[in-house]
Every structure is written in C-alpha cells, then in structure tokens.
Amino acid sequence: MIESFRQGAERGSFRLLEWSVQDDHLHAIVEADGTRALGRGMKSLAARFAKAVNRGLGRKGPVLRDRYHVHVLRTVREVRNAIAYVLNNARRHLARLGRALPRVARIDPASSGAWFDGWRPDVALPETIGPPPVAPARTWLAAVGWRRLGPLDPAEV
C-alpha cells in the first residue's frame, strides 16, 4: 500500500502531503493547483489505493464507498490541526471508543508519520524504508506557516 501512495504522491499539479489509513476510511492532506487537478489526483489516488487493498486481500471490486470530502485549509492553525488530526487519527479513534491509550504515544504505522519532519525533537521515529510516500508541500501554509505554532506531539488527540 505504501508503494501505491509513493507512486501517486506527486502528479504534476497534485501532491499527497500526509495520510493515514483507518479500518474503514482514509484521511489525506493534499495540495492541488485547482479543482480539476484535485479531482484527477484524487481519482488516481483512490484507484491506486483500491488496487493495493484488493491485491493484499486477494479480491476484486470497489474499496472506497464514498467520494472524497473536501475542506480547504485557509489558516496556519487549520493546517496544523489537520496534520495532527490525520497523523494521530488512530489514537483519536481509540479515545473515542473508550479504549485505553498507550502510555507512550507512538507514530501510527498506518500513516505517513514516519516520514513527517514536524514532530517534537524527542519523538522516536520508526525506521523508514525507501523514499517517502508523500510529496513535499509547495504552499507557504503547508510547508512553513503551520510550523509557527510549534511541532506536533504524537500524544495529541
């Protein structure tokens, strides 16, 4: 699956910046140079994801039930909160289900968190294999702006 994200991370005017895979949905933060680029990039990403899931499960057919939902991020705080939400989403789901959270917060292995460079300096990163399955941000908000509010903590929910 990571290879699918890696191959679809940058398609000209579309960039996959961060992602996390949950039991029944996928979260992604992307940049696109317009609605057409967004639509094409998301269609390509969804197809790659579905093929990887079906290959892994030895089956065929649709994987994603719904289309994507768009929320345009406009402020430094929105971008930082969105990144924390996506990368720490597994932890959020555990908390919502009332399950005990691990005492030591770790990077979600079903996310792009291992390749993320905005964690607190003392966060232990898992070993990464191969090039990142994300593209570098090009917009000021996603590349620089959110960092003004401080690094992320994997314990944030």
Protein backbone atom coordinates (compact mmCIF):
# COMPACT_ATOMS: atom_id res chain seq x y z
CA MET A 1 0.00 0.00 0.00
CA ILE A 2 2.82 2.41 0.79
CA GLU A 3 4.14 1.90 -2.71
CA SER A 4 0.76 2.98 -4.10
CA PHE A 5 0.96 6.21 -2.12
CA ARG A 6 4.57 6.68 -3.17
CA GLN A 7 3.67 6.35 -6.85
CA GLY A 8 0.70 8.72 -6.56
CA ALA A 9 2.23 11.26 -4.18
CA GLU A 10 3.10 13.80 -6.85
CA ARG A 11 1.30 14.09 -10.15
CA GLY A 12 2.20 17.44 -11.65
CA SER A 13 -0.28 19.82 -10.05
CA PHE A 14 -1.42 17.37 -7.33
CA ARG A 15 0.54 16.44 -4.20
CA LEU A 16 -0.25 13.99 -1.40
CA LEU A 17 1.23 15.60 1.73
CA GLU A 18 0.09 13.35 4.62
CA TRP A 19 -2.19 10.34 5.04
CA SER A 20 -3.47 7.76 7.49
CA VAL A 21 -5.41 4.58 6.86
CA GLN A 22 -8.12 3.56 9.35
CA ASP A 23 -10.28 0.43 9.50
CA ASP A 24 -12.96 1.83 7.23
CA HIS A 25 -11.65 5.10 5.80
CA LEU A 26 -8.63 7.05 4.70
CA HIS A 27 -7.56 10.57 5.66
CA ALA A 28 -5.35 12.62 3.40
CA ILE A 29 -4.00 16.12 3.18
CA VAL A 30 -3.30 17.15 -0.38
CA GLU A 31 -2.35 20.21 -2.36
CA ALA A 32 -3.77 20.78 -5.81
CA ASP A 33 -3.44 23.60 -8.30
CA GLY A 34 -7.20 23.86 -8.88
CA THR A 35 -10.34 21.75 -8.81
CA ARG A 36 -9.51 19.82 -11.97
CA ALA A 37 -6.09 18.80 -10.60
CA LEU A 38 -7.73 17.84 -7.30
CA GLY A 39 -10.34 15.67 -8.99
CA ARG A 40 -7.83 13.90 -11.22
CA GLY A 41 -5.33 13.43 -8.41
CA MET A 42 -7.92 12.02 -6.01
CA LYS A 43 -9.29 9.68 -8.68
CA SER A 44 -5.80 8.37 -9.35
CA LEU A 45 -5.03 8.03 -5.64
CA ALA A 46 -8.32 6.19 -4.99
CA ALA A 47 -7.65 3.78 -7.86
CA ARG A 48 -4.12 3.04 -6.62
CA PHE A 49 -5.39 2.54 -3.07
CA ALA A 50 -8.20 0.19 -4.18
CA LYS A 51 -5.83 -1.89 -6.30
CA ALA A 52 -3.38 -2.23 -3.39
CA VAL A 53 -6.13 -3.22 -0.93
CA ASN A 54 -7.65 -5.73 -3.35
CA ARG A 55 -4.24 -7.18 -4.17
CA GLY A 56 -3.49 -7.54 -0.45
CA LEU A 57 -6.84 -9.21 0.24
CA GLY A 58 -6.84 -11.33 -2.92
CA ARG A 59 -10.15 -9.92 -4.15
CA LYS A 60 -11.68 -7.57 -6.73
CA GLY A 61 -14.19 -4.79 -6.66
CA PRO A 62 -14.75 -1.38 -5.13
CA VAL A 63 -12.96 -0.47 -1.91
CA LEU A 64 -13.99 3.10 -1.21
CA ARG A 65 -17.71 3.54 -0.63
CA ASP A 66 -17.86 7.32 -0.91
CA ARG A 67 -16.11 10.01 -2.85
CA TYR A 68 -13.75 12.24 -1.02
CA HIS A 69 -14.87 15.15 1.15
CA VAL A 70 -13.12 18.47 0.61
CA HIS A 71 -12.25 21.04 3.24
CA VAL A 72 -9.99 23.84 2.08
CA LEU A 73 -7.46 24.75 4.77
CA ARG A 74 -7.05 28.52 4.96
CA THR A 75 -5.15 29.37 8.15
CA VAL A 76 -1.96 28.34 9.92
CA ARG A 77 -3.99 26.84 12.79
CA GLU A 78 -6.27 24.90 10.44
CA VAL A 79 -3.29 23.34 8.66
CA ARG A 80 -1.54 22.40 11.91
CA ASN A 81 -4.76 20.93 13.35
CA ALA A 82 -5.43 19.00 10.15
CA ILE A 83 -1.93 17.49 10.15
CA ALA A 84 -2.27 16.50 13.82
CA TYR A 85 -5.75 15.07 13.13
CA VAL A 86 -4.58 12.96 10.18
CA LEU A 87 -1.32 11.67 11.67
CA ASN A 88 -2.80 11.00 15.13
CA ASN A 89 -6.16 9.72 13.91
CA ALA A 90 -5.73 6.14 15.16
CA ARG A 91 -5.17 7.48 18.68
CA ARG A 92 -8.25 9.67 18.36
CA HIS A 93 -10.36 6.65 17.34
CA LEU A 94 -9.13 4.67 20.35
CA ALA A 95 -10.03 7.55 22.67
CA ARG A 96 -13.47 7.89 21.08
CA LEU A 97 -14.14 4.17 21.56
CA GLY A 98 -13.18 4.49 25.21
CA ARG A 99 -10.14 2.25 24.83
CA ALA A 100 -7.07 2.81 26.93
CA LEU A 101 -4.45 4.84 25.14
CA PRO A 102 -0.87 3.56 25.28
CA ARG A 103 1.16 5.42 27.91
CA VAL A 104 3.86 6.15 25.39
CA ALA A 105 2.46 7.68 22.22
CA ARG A 106 3.98 6.21 19.08
CA ILE A 107 3.84 7.15 15.43
CA ASP A 108 0.90 5.40 13.74
CA PRO A 109 2.40 2.74 11.43
CA ALA A 110 -0.63 3.09 9.11
CA SER A 111 0.21 6.70 8.37
CA SER A 112 2.86 8.82 6.72
CA GLY A 113 4.03 9.85 10.20
CA ALA A 114 7.37 8.03 9.93
CA TRP A 115 8.35 10.39 7.08
CA PHE A 116 6.92 13.54 8.73
CA ASP A 117 9.57 16.06 9.79
CA GLY A 118 7.45 18.21 12.08
CA TRP A 119 7.37 16.06 15.25
CA ARG A 120 8.79 17.27 18.56
CA PRO A 121 12.58 16.80 18.54
CA ASP A 122 12.49 13.99 21.14
CA VAL A 123 9.98 11.80 19.27
CA ALA A 124 11.36 8.38 18.34
CA LEU A 125 10.69 7.82 14.66
CA PRO A 126 10.20 4.33 13.27
CA GLU A 127 12.63 3.14 10.65
CA THR A 128 11.57 4.11 7.15
CA ILE A 129 12.11 2.03 4.07
CA GLY A 130 12.50 3.66 0.71
CA PRO A 131 11.64 7.14 -0.43
CA PRO A 132 8.75 8.97 1.26
CA PRO A 133 5.19 8.06 0.21
CA VAL A 134 4.34 11.77 0.30
CA ALA A 135 5.34 14.85 -1.69
CA PRO A 136 6.94 17.98 -0.27
CA ALA A 137 4.48 20.83 0.27
CA ARG A 138 4.74 23.80 -2.07
CA THR A 139 2.33 26.22 -0.40
CA TRP A 140 3.54 28.51 2.38
CA LEU A 141 0.79 27.31 4.76
CA ALA A 142 1.66 23.63 4.42
CA ALA A 143 5.44 23.99 4.13
CA VAL A 144 6.22 26.77 6.61
CA GLY A 145 3.21 28.51 8.12
CA TRP A 146 1.84 25.78 10.39
CA ARG A 147 5.27 25.36 12.00
CA ARG A 148 4.87 28.78 13.65
CA LEU A 149 2.50 27.07 16.14
CA GLY A 150 5.10 24.52 17.18
CA PRO A 151 5.99 20.92 16.39
CA LEU A 152 3.48 18.10 16.70
CA ASP A 153 3.30 15.63 19.54
CA PRO A 154 2.16 12.07 18.77
CA ALA A 155 0.13 12.17 22.02
CA GLU A 156 -2.13 14.96 20.73
CA VAL A 157 -5.72 13.81 20.27
